[in-house]
Amino acid sequence: MVEAAVNYLADLSVKPVTYNPPHGTGLPRRVGNYRDFTVRMHDGRPVATDLSLDRQAFILIPHDTAVVDFYEEREVKTTYYAEVEALIERETGAAKVVVFDHTVRTADRAVERGLRTPVRSVHCDYTEKSGPQRVRDLLPPDEAEVRLKKRFAEFNVWRNIALEPVEMTPLGLVDSESLAPRDLAVCDLVYADRTGEIYQGVYNADHRWYYFPRMTRDEAILIKCYDSMKDGRARFSLHSAFDDPTSPRNPKPRQSIETRALAFFD
């Protein structure tokens, strides 16, 4: 276990809004009463086999890839998307999985390279509203309405893409069993051509945090960010990059990819 600072909303005195510029033109600008809070970040490796998508909302799994260069978009879309779809089908039993986008992040000159930096705020990628909207955005109208009548979920597959283990800004994750409804605050995401929304995490001292130190290129974290099923299972997750105090003095910049997918169940 290490102690580390993560960036939460301290309260909802200011409506949270994030303004996202086009890739490579600058960093996002956030509005909201954000503050750093120190949390205990537990090593998840000793309990990895006990973790569950329906309880914690994340799992660590071995996952080999045939991708040579994750910075080559064509190779990611033709090779990696299929690997991720197969992975999610295997781990969840979904009848159909559709990968719809990915983001490569680096802590090394991200903006000038047209990439994104690690996200240093406690957040969940989807909300009660934006989860179903994503289905409508991506599928033909008739199919979307049929799929929305059954269970569906949104997953994020996170992995290190460097040859060396992660030394800088690893990913921390909140055990969803420690979440309370008030911990999830709707935040508008404003782009040049549209406005979406995510959840930002509101500080709660009861949150249980985990991370997986020194992740390698042949591992992946499968994160459930939205689940339409309301039967007591985990439906949302919170996660954030953070500074690991056990990192080397001059750590290698983190390089990672997150791949987003919709999973549909019969």
C-alpha atoms as a PDB file:
ATOM      1  CA  MET A   1       0.000   0.000   0.000  1.00  0.00           C
ATOM      2  CA  VAL A   2       1.190   3.518  -0.787  1.00  0.00           C
ATOM      3  CA  GLU A   3      -0.261   6.909   0.021  1.00  0.00           C
ATOM      4  CA  ALA A   4      -0.850   9.155  -2.976  1.00  0.00           C
ATOM      5  CA  ALA A   5      -2.777  12.266  -3.966  1.00  0.00           C
ATOM      6  CA  VAL A   6      -5.697  12.039  -6.390  1.00  0.00           C
ATOM      7  CA  ASN A   7      -7.783  14.893  -7.734  1.00  0.00           C
ATOM      8  CA  TYR A   8     -11.456  14.819  -6.718  1.00  0.00           C
ATOM      9  CA  LEU A   9     -14.314  17.243  -6.706  1.00  0.00           C
ATOM     10  CA  ALA A  10     -14.359  18.545  -3.145  1.00  0.00           C
ATOM     11  CA  ASP A  11     -18.045  19.442  -3.443  1.00  0.00           C
ATOM     12  CA  LEU A  12     -20.640  20.578  -5.980  1.00  0.00           C
ATOM     13  CA  SER A  13     -20.510  24.300  -5.190  1.00  0.00           C
ATOM     14  CA  VAL A  14     -19.410  24.831  -8.815  1.00  0.00           C
ATOM     15  CA  LYS A  15     -20.961  22.877 -11.701  1.00  0.00           C
ATOM     16  CA  PRO A  16     -18.128  20.780 -13.206  1.00  0.00           C
ATOM     17  CA  VAL A  17     -17.419  21.387 -16.901  1.00  0.00           C
ATOM     18  CA  THR A  18     -14.430  20.281 -18.985  1.00  0.00           C
ATOM     19  CA  TYR A  19     -13.549  22.089 -22.214  1.00  0.00           C
ATOM     20  CA  ASN A  20     -11.627  19.837 -24.617  1.00  0.00           C
ATOM     21  CA  PRO A  21      -9.629  21.442 -27.453  1.00  0.00           C
ATOM     22  CA  PRO A  22      -8.904  19.516 -30.683  1.00  0.00           C
ATOM     23  CA  HIS A  23      -6.093  16.961 -30.373  1.00  0.00           C
ATOM     24  CA  GLY A  24      -2.648  18.487 -30.380  1.00  0.00           C
ATOM     25  CA  THR A  25      -3.800  22.069 -29.761  1.00  0.00           C
ATOM     26  CA  GLY A  26      -3.657  22.298 -25.980  1.00  0.00           C
ATOM     27  CA  LEU A  27      -4.748  20.780 -22.695  1.00  0.00           C
ATOM     28  CA  PRO A  28      -8.331  20.485 -21.420  1.00  0.00           C
ATOM     29  CA  ARG A  29      -9.620  23.316 -19.221  1.00  0.00           C
ATOM     30  CA  ARG A  30     -11.672  22.317 -16.187  1.00  0.00           C
ATOM     31  CA  VAL A  31     -14.205  24.247 -14.149  1.00  0.00           C
ATOM     32  CA  GLY A  32     -15.211  22.932 -10.734  1.00  0.00           C
ATOM     33  CA  ASN A  33     -14.107  22.874  -7.109  1.00  0.00           C
ATOM     34  CA  TYR A  34     -11.324  20.293  -7.521  1.00  0.00           C
ATOM     35  CA  ARG A  35      -8.824  19.441  -4.798  1.00  0.00           C
ATOM     36  CA  ASP A  36      -6.134  16.852  -4.198  1.00  0.00           C
ATOM     37  CA  PHE A  37      -6.906  14.321  -1.477  1.00  0.00           C
ATOM     38  CA  THR A  38      -4.466  11.758  -0.101  1.00  0.00           C
ATOM     39  CA  VAL A  39      -5.714   8.177  -0.345  1.00  0.00           C
ATOM     40  CA  ARG A  40      -4.334   4.732   0.408  1.00  0.00           C
ATOM     41  CA  MET A  41      -3.597   2.984  -2.876  1.00  0.00           C
ATOM     42  CA  HIS A  42      -3.501  -0.789  -2.333  1.00  0.00           C
ATOM     43  CA  ASP A  43      -1.473  -3.176  -4.463  1.00  0.00           C
ATOM     44  CA  GLY A  44      -4.104  -5.148  -6.365  1.00  0.00           C
ATOM     45  CA  ARG A  45      -1.814  -7.939  -7.494  1.00  0.00           C
ATOM     46  CA  PRO A  46      -2.148 -10.114  -4.354  1.00  0.00           C
ATOM     47  CA  VAL A  47      -5.964 -10.047  -4.676  1.00  0.00           C
ATOM     48  CA  ALA A  48      -6.202  -9.994  -8.484  1.00  0.00           C
ATOM     49  CA  THR A  49      -7.881 -13.404  -8.720  1.00  0.00           C
ATOM     50  CA  ASP A  50     -10.592 -12.285  -6.280  1.00  0.00           C
ATOM     51  CA  LEU A  51     -11.593  -9.191  -8.263  1.00  0.00           C
ATOM     52  CA  SER A  52     -14.846  -9.185 -10.219  1.00  0.00           C
ATOM     53  CA  LEU A  53     -16.378  -6.988 -12.908  1.00  0.00           C
ATOM     54  CA  ASP A  54     -19.714  -7.226 -11.107  1.00  0.00           C
ATOM     55  CA  ARG A  55     -18.313  -6.232  -7.703  1.00  0.00           C
ATOM     56  CA  GLN A  56     -15.205  -4.077  -8.131  1.00  0.00           C
ATOM     57  CA  ALA A  57     -15.927  -3.201 -11.822  1.00  0.00           C
ATOM     58  CA  PHE A  58     -12.365  -4.003 -12.897  1.00  0.00           C
ATOM     59  CA  ILE A  59     -10.079  -6.996 -13.318  1.00  0.00           C
ATOM     60  CA  LEU A  60      -6.439  -7.546 -14.275  1.00  0.00           C
ATOM     61  CA  ILE A  61      -5.859 -10.187 -16.930  1.00  0.00           C
ATOM     62  CA  PRO A  62      -2.955 -11.551 -18.985  1.00  0.00           C
ATOM     63  CA  HIS A  63      -3.470 -10.451 -22.585  1.00  0.00           C
ATOM     64  CA  ASP A  64      -0.974 -10.974 -25.369  1.00  0.00           C
ATOM     65  CA  THR A  65      -1.182  -8.818 -28.472  1.00  0.00           C
ATOM     66  CA  ALA A  66       0.120  -9.099 -32.012  1.00  0.00           C
ATOM     67  CA  VAL A  67       0.340  -5.310 -32.357  1.00  0.00           C
ATOM     68  CA  VAL A  68       3.872  -4.104 -33.069  1.00  0.00           C
ATOM     69  CA  ASP A  69       3.317  -0.330 -33.034  1.00  0.00           C
ATOM     70  CA  PHE A  70       0.422   1.113 -31.026  1.00  0.00           C
ATOM     71  CA  TYR A  71       1.108   4.536 -32.507  1.00  0.00           C
ATOM     72  CA  GLU A  72       0.137   3.212 -35.951  1.00  0.00           C
ATOM     73  CA  GLU A  73      -3.611   3.785 -36.090  1.00  0.00           C
ATOM     74  CA  ARG A  74      -4.274   1.379 -38.945  1.00  0.00           C
ATOM     75  CA  GLU A  75      -2.579  -1.488 -37.102  1.00  0.00           C
ATOM     76  CA  VAL A  76      -4.525  -0.720 -33.909  1.00  0.00           C
ATOM     77  CA  LYS A  77      -7.852  -0.697 -35.732  1.00  0.00           C
ATOM     78  CA  THR A  78      -7.239  -3.799 -37.835  1.00  0.00           C
ATOM     79  CA  THR A  79      -5.427  -5.963 -35.257  1.00  0.00           C
ATOM     80  CA  TYR A  80      -6.021  -4.672 -31.752  1.00  0.00           C
ATOM     81  CA  TYR A  81      -9.747  -3.958 -32.044  1.00  0.00           C
ATOM     82  CA  ALA A  82     -10.376  -7.609 -32.912  1.00  0.00           C
ATOM     83  CA  GLU A  83      -8.216  -8.736 -29.983  1.00  0.00           C
ATOM     84  CA  VAL A  84     -10.153  -6.514 -27.567  1.00  0.00           C
ATOM     85  CA  GLU A  85     -13.524  -7.675 -28.869  1.00  0.00           C
ATOM     86  CA  ALA A  86     -12.493 -11.306 -28.365  1.00  0.00           C
ATOM     87  CA  LEU A  87     -11.178 -10.511 -24.875  1.00  0.00           C
ATOM     88  CA  ILE A  88     -14.413  -8.852 -23.725  1.00  0.00           C
ATOM     89  CA  GLU A  89     -16.571 -11.619 -25.216  1.00  0.00           C
ATOM     90  CA  ARG A  90     -14.507 -14.211 -23.351  1.00  0.00           C
ATOM     91  CA  GLU A  91     -14.517 -12.410 -19.987  1.00  0.00           C
ATOM     92  CA  THR A  92     -18.153 -11.272 -19.979  1.00  0.00           C
ATOM     93  CA  GLY A  93     -20.098 -13.756 -22.112  1.00  0.00           C
ATOM     94  CA  ALA A  94     -21.431 -10.935 -24.278  1.00  0.00           C
ATOM     95  CA  ALA A  95     -23.201 -11.941 -27.478  1.00  0.00           C
ATOM     96  CA  LYS A  96     -21.780  -9.019 -29.417  1.00  0.00           C
ATOM     97  CA  VAL A  97     -18.933  -6.580 -28.751  1.00  0.00           C
ATOM     98  CA  VAL A  98     -18.227  -3.439 -30.761  1.00  0.00           C
ATOM     99  CA  VAL A  99     -14.999  -1.492 -30.232  1.00  0.00           C
ATOM    100  CA  PHE A 100     -15.669   2.095 -31.228  1.00  0.00           C
ATOM    101  CA  ASP A 101     -12.567   4.131 -30.389  1.00  0.00           C
ATOM    102  CA  HIS A 102      -9.226   4.285 -28.622  1.00  0.00           C
ATOM    103  CA  THR A 103      -6.933   6.865 -27.052  1.00  0.00           C
ATOM    104  CA  VAL A 104      -3.148   6.695 -26.851  1.00  0.00           C
ATOM    105  CA  ARG A 105      -1.721   8.623 -23.908  1.00  0.00           C
ATOM    106  CA  THR A 106       1.823   9.570 -23.036  1.00  0.00           C
ATOM    107  CA  ALA A 107       3.527  11.674 -20.394  1.00  0.00           C
ATOM    108  CA  ASP A 108       6.206  12.638 -22.939  1.00  0.00           C
ATOM    109  CA  ARG A 109       5.456  15.695 -25.157  1.00  0.00           C
ATOM    110  CA  ALA A 110       1.857  14.592 -25.686  1.00  0.00           C
ATOM    111  CA  VAL A 111       0.417  17.837 -27.071  1.00  0.00           C
ATOM    112  CA  GLU A 112       3.128  18.440 -29.654  1.00  0.00           C
ATOM    113  CA  ARG A 113       2.774  14.815 -30.817  1.00  0.00           C
ATOM    114  CA  GLY A 114      -1.001  15.125 -31.203  1.00  0.00           C
ATOM    115  CA  LEU A 115      -1.599  12.724 -28.303  1.00  0.00           C
ATOM    116  CA  ARG A 116      -3.254  13.019 -24.903  1.00  0.00           C
ATOM    117  CA  THR A 117      -1.779  13.079 -21.435  1.00  0.00           C
ATOM    118  CA  PRO A 118      -2.752  10.755 -18.559  1.00  0.00           C
ATOM    119  CA  VAL A 119      -5.989  11.918 -16.913  1.00  0.00           C
ATOM    120  CA  ARG A 120      -5.350  13.139 -13.376  1.00  0.00           C
ATOM    121  CA  SER A 121      -8.912  13.438 -12.134  1.00  0.00           C
ATOM    122  CA  VAL A 122     -11.173  10.852 -10.540  1.00  0.00           C
ATOM    123  CA  HIS A 123     -13.795  10.058 -13.171  1.00  0.00           C
ATOM    124  CA  CYS A 124     -16.037   7.501 -14.901  1.00  0.00           C
ATOM    125  CA  ASP A 125     -16.308   7.527 -18.694  1.00  0.00           C
ATOM    126  CA  TYR A 126     -20.109   7.237 -18.885  1.00  0.00           C
ATOM    127  CA  THR A 127     -23.217   8.380 -17.056  1.00  0.00           C
ATOM    128  CA  GLU A 128     -26.791   7.153 -16.744  1.00  0.00           C
ATOM    129  CA  LYS A 129     -27.610   9.345 -19.752  1.00  0.00           C
ATOM    130  CA  SER A 130     -24.514   9.045 -21.935  1.00  0.00           C
ATOM    131  CA  GLY A 131     -24.331   5.226 -21.784  1.00  0.00           C
ATOM    132  CA  PRO A 132     -27.567   4.655 -23.759  1.00  0.00           C
ATOM    133  CA  GLN A 133     -26.819   7.683 -25.946  1.00  0.00           C
ATOM    134  CA  ARG A 134     -23.569   6.071 -27.064  1.00  0.00           C
ATOM    135  CA  VAL A 135     -25.535   3.064 -28.323  1.00  0.00           C
ATOM    136  CA  ARG A 136     -27.812   5.373 -30.334  1.00  0.00           C
ATOM    137  CA  ASP A 137     -24.805   7.231 -31.708  1.00  0.00           C
ATOM    138  CA  LEU A 138     -23.049   4.095 -32.931  1.00  0.00           C
ATOM    139  CA  LEU A 139     -25.740   1.679 -34.116  1.00  0.00           C
ATOM    140  CA  PRO A 140     -28.420   2.000 -36.790  1.00  0.00           C
ATOM    141  CA  PRO A 141     -31.641   3.342 -35.183  1.00  0.00           C
ATOM    142  CA  ASP A 142     -33.622   0.095 -35.451  1.00  0.00           C
ATOM    143  CA  GLU A 143     -30.828  -2.052 -34.026  1.00  0.00           C
ATOM    144  CA  ALA A 144     -30.099   0.476 -31.264  1.00  0.00           C
ATOM    145  CA  GLU A 145     -33.653   0.394 -29.964  1.00  0.00           C
ATOM    146  CA  VAL A 146     -33.674  -3.413 -29.943  1.00  0.00           C
ATOM    147  CA  ARG A 147     -30.325  -3.550 -28.106  1.00  0.00           C
ATOM    148  CA  LEU A 148     -31.421  -0.966 -25.558  1.00  0.00           C
ATOM    149  CA  LYS A 149     -34.254  -3.260 -24.442  1.00  0.00           C
ATOM    150  CA  LYS A 150     -31.723  -5.818 -23.200  1.00  0.00           C
ATOM    151  CA  ARG A 151     -28.626  -5.594 -21.025  1.00  0.00           C
ATOM    152  CA  PHE A 152     -25.613  -3.771 -22.425  1.00  0.00           C
ATOM    153  CA  ALA A 153     -22.400  -2.452 -20.904  1.00  0.00           C
ATOM    154  CA  GLU A 154     -19.498  -0.183 -21.817  1.00  0.00           C
ATOM    155  CA  PHE A 155     -15.952  -1.408 -21.174  1.00  0.00           C
ATOM    156  CA  ASN A 156     -12.544   0.220 -21.276  1.00  0.00           C
ATOM    157  CA  VAL A 157      -9.453  -1.930 -21.838  1.00  0.00           C
ATOM    158  CA  TRP A 158      -6.310  -0.218 -20.501  1.00  0.00           C
ATOM    159  CA  ARG A 159      -2.773  -1.391 -21.186  1.00  0.00           C
ATOM    160  CA  ASN A 160       0.845  -0.323 -21.130  1.00  0.00           C
ATOM    161  CA  ILE A 161       2.227  -0.057 -24.698  1.00  0.00           C
ATOM    162  CA  ALA A 162       5.897   0.489 -23.821  1.00  0.00           C
ATOM    163  CA  LEU A 163       8.462  -2.297 -23.802  1.00  0.00           C
ATOM    164  CA  GLU A 164       9.314  -1.488 -20.171  1.00  0.00           C
ATOM    165  CA  PRO A 165       6.968  -1.801 -17.163  1.00  0.00           C
ATOM    166  CA  VAL A 166       4.993   1.285 -16.140  1.00  0.00           C
ATOM    167  CA  GLU A 167       7.117   3.526 -13.910  1.00  0.00           C
ATOM    168  CA  MET A 168       5.192   6.823 -14.126  1.00  0.00           C
ATOM    169  CA  THR A 169       1.546   7.772 -13.459  1.00  0.00           C
ATOM    170  CA  PRO A 170      -0.009   4.303 -13.135  1.00  0.00           C
ATOM    171  CA  LEU A 171      -3.772   3.905 -13.150  1.00  0.00           C
ATOM    172  CA  GLY A 172      -5.611   3.810  -9.827  1.00  0.00           C
ATOM    173  CA  LEU A 173      -9.108   2.334  -9.541  1.00  0.00           C
ATOM    174  CA  VAL A 174     -11.844   2.600  -6.915  1.00  0.00           C
ATOM    175  CA  ASP A 175     -13.518  -0.617  -5.762  1.00  0.00           C
ATOM    176  CA  SER A 176     -17.105  -0.015  -6.888  1.00  0.00           C
ATOM    177  CA  GLU A 177     -18.426  -1.722  -3.761  1.00  0.00           C
ATOM    178  CA  SER A 178     -17.167   1.339  -1.856  1.00  0.00           C
ATOM    179  CA  LEU A 179     -19.078   3.837  -4.052  1.00  0.00           C
ATOM    180  CA  ALA A 180     -22.152   5.743  -2.910  1.00  0.00           C
ATOM    181  CA  PRO A 181     -24.590   7.351  -5.396  1.00  0.00           C
ATOM    182  CA  ARG A 182     -23.616  10.844  -4.221  1.00  0.00           C
ATOM    183  CA  ASP A 183     -20.006  10.177  -5.269  1.00  0.00           C
ATOM    184  CA  LEU A 184     -20.866  10.503  -8.981  1.00  0.00           C
ATOM    185  CA  ALA A 185     -21.319  14.064 -10.281  1.00  0.00           C
ATOM    186  CA  VAL A 186     -22.370  14.786 -13.877  1.00  0.00           C
ATOM    187  CA  CYS A 187     -19.706  16.802 -15.709  1.00  0.00           C
ATOM    188  CA  ASP A 188     -20.311  18.315 -19.147  1.00  0.00           C
ATOM    189  CA  LEU A 189     -17.628  17.588 -21.753  1.00  0.00           C
ATOM    190  CA  VAL A 190     -17.581  20.472 -24.211  1.00  0.00           C
ATOM    191  CA  TYR A 191     -15.968  19.903 -27.611  1.00  0.00           C
ATOM    192  CA  ALA A 192     -15.903  22.164 -30.649  1.00  0.00           C
ATOM    193  CA  ASP A 193     -18.752  20.238 -32.306  1.00  0.00           C
ATOM    194  CA  ARG A 194     -20.693  18.612 -29.453  1.00  0.00           C
ATOM    195  CA  THR A 195     -21.262  18.333 -25.726  1.00  0.00           C
ATOM    196  CA  GLY A 196     -21.200  15.022 -23.888  1.00  0.00           C
ATOM    197  CA  GLU A 197     -20.993  14.086 -20.228  1.00  0.00           C
ATOM    198  CA  ILE A 198     -19.067  11.902 -17.804  1.00  0.00           C
ATOM    199  CA  TYR A 199     -19.095  11.413 -14.052  1.00  0.00           C
ATOM    200  CA  GLN A 200     -16.484  13.143 -11.923  1.00  0.00           C
ATOM    201  CA  GLY A 201     -15.798  11.620  -8.538  1.00  0.00           C
ATOM    202  CA  VAL A 202     -16.787  13.531  -5.411  1.00  0.00           C
ATOM    203  CA  TYR A 203     -14.444  12.854  -2.500  1.00  0.00           C
ATOM    204  CA  ASN A 204     -15.500  10.100  -0.141  1.00  0.00           C
ATOM    205  CA  ALA A 205     -13.089   8.885   2.532  1.00  0.00           C
ATOM    206  CA  ASP A 206     -14.650   5.408   2.317  1.00  0.00           C
ATOM    207  CA  HIS A 207     -13.359   4.763  -1.212  1.00  0.00           C
ATOM    208  CA  ARG A 208     -11.051   1.751  -1.487  1.00  0.00           C
ATOM    209  CA  TRP A 209      -8.333   2.315  -4.084  1.00  0.00           C
ATOM    210  CA  TYR A 210      -6.240  -0.270  -5.954  1.00  0.00           C
ATOM    211  CA  TYR A 211      -3.515  -0.241  -8.572  1.00  0.00           C
ATOM    212  CA  PHE A 212      -1.282  -2.774 -10.289  1.00  0.00           C
ATOM    213  CA  PRO A 213       2.379  -1.768  -9.958  1.00  0.00           C
ATOM    214  CA  ARG A 214       4.752  -2.041 -12.926  1.00  0.00           C
ATOM    215  CA  MET A 215       2.226  -3.239 -15.458  1.00  0.00           C
ATOM    216  CA  THR A 216       3.797  -4.868 -18.499  1.00  0.00           C
ATOM    217  CA  ARG A 217       2.821  -4.917 -22.154  1.00  0.00           C
ATOM    218  CA  ASP A 218       1.246  -8.377 -21.900  1.00  0.00           C
ATOM    219  CA  GLU A 219      -1.316  -7.376 -19.236  1.00  0.00           C
ATOM    220  CA  ALA A 220      -4.576  -5.450 -19.457  1.00  0.00           C
ATOM    221  CA  ILE A 221      -7.078  -3.934 -17.060  1.00  0.00           C
ATOM    222  CA  LEU A 222     -10.684  -4.493 -18.085  1.00  0.00           C
ATOM    223  CA  ILE A 223     -12.844  -1.733 -16.588  1.00  0.00           C
ATOM    224  CA  LYS A 224     -16.633  -1.659 -16.606  1.00  0.00           C
ATOM    225  CA  CYS A 225     -17.652   1.988 -16.967  1.00  0.00           C
ATOM    226  CA  TYR A 226     -21.394   1.497 -17.469  1.00  0.00           C
ATOM    227  CA  ASP A 227     -23.879  -1.344 -17.046  1.00  0.00           C
ATOM    228  CA  SER A 228     -27.574  -1.049 -17.825  1.00  0.00           C
ATOM    229  CA  MET A 229     -28.490  -3.886 -15.437  1.00  0.00           C
ATOM    230  CA  LYS A 230     -29.881  -2.584 -12.134  1.00  0.00           C
ATOM    231  CA  ASP A 231     -29.771  -5.717  -9.994  1.00  0.00           C
ATOM    232  CA  GLY A 232     -27.145  -4.750  -7.434  1.00  0.00           C
ATOM    233  CA  ARG A 233     -24.051  -5.434  -9.524  1.00  0.00           C
ATOM    234  CA  ALA A 234     -21.445  -2.724 -10.121  1.00  0.00           C
ATOM    235  CA  ARG A 235     -22.713  -0.306 -12.764  1.00  0.00           C
ATOM    236  CA  PHE A 236     -20.075   2.461 -12.783  1.00  0.00           C
ATOM    237  CA  SER A 237     -16.419   2.833 -11.870  1.00  0.00           C
ATOM    238  CA  LEU A 238     -14.031   5.599 -10.851  1.00  0.00           C
ATOM    239  CA  HIS A 239     -10.383   5.744 -11.827  1.00  0.00           C
ATOM    240  CA  SER A 240      -7.490   8.198 -12.194  1.00  0.00           C
ATOM    241  CA  ALA A 241      -3.796   8.416 -12.968  1.00  0.00           C
ATOM    242  CA  PHE A 242      -1.630   9.242  -9.946  1.00  0.00           C
ATOM    243  CA  ASP A 243       1.995   9.725  -8.925  1.00  0.00           C
ATOM    244  CA  ASP A 244       3.366   6.571  -7.323  1.00  0.00           C
ATOM    245  CA  PRO A 245       5.802   7.534  -4.531  1.00  0.00           C
ATOM    246  CA  THR A 246       7.732   4.301  -5.158  1.00  0.00           C
ATOM    247  CA  SER A 247       8.535   5.269  -8.765  1.00  0.00           C
ATOM    248  CA  PRO A 248      12.236   5.575  -9.681  1.00  0.00           C
ATOM    249  CA  ARG A 249      13.866   8.982  -9.385  1.00  0.00           C
ATOM    250  CA  ASN A 250      13.814   9.465 -13.158  1.00  0.00           C
ATOM    251  CA  PRO A 251      10.912   7.293 -14.326  1.00  0.00           C
ATOM    252  CA  LYS A 252      10.318   6.497 -17.960  1.00  0.00           C
ATOM    253  CA  PRO A 253       7.269   8.411 -19.258  1.00  0.00           C
ATOM    254  CA  ARG A 254       4.100   6.358 -19.200  1.00  0.00           C
ATOM    255  CA  GLN A 255       2.758   5.190 -22.571  1.00  0.00           C
ATOM    256  CA  SER A 256      -0.688   3.591 -22.608  1.00  0.00           C
ATOM    257  CA  ILE A 257      -3.747   2.881 -24.705  1.00  0.00           C
ATOM    258  CA  GLU A 258      -7.368   2.704 -23.630  1.00  0.00           C
ATOM    259  CA  THR A 259      -9.850   1.058 -25.944  1.00  0.00           C
ATOM    260  CA  ARG A 260     -13.596   1.534 -25.525  1.00  0.00           C
ATOM    261  CA  ALA A 261     -16.240  -0.984 -26.467  1.00  0.00           C
ATOM    262  CA  LEU A 262     -19.950  -1.696 -26.147  1.00  0.00           C
ATOM    263  CA  ALA A 263     -20.994  -5.190 -25.086  1.00  0.00           C
ATOM    264  CA  PHE A 264     -24.479  -6.506 -25.770  1.00  0.00           C
ATOM    265  CA  PHE A 265     -26.087  -9.459 -24.013  1.00  0.00           C
ATOM    266  CA  ASP A 266     -28.935 -11.756 -25.070  1.00  0.00           C
END
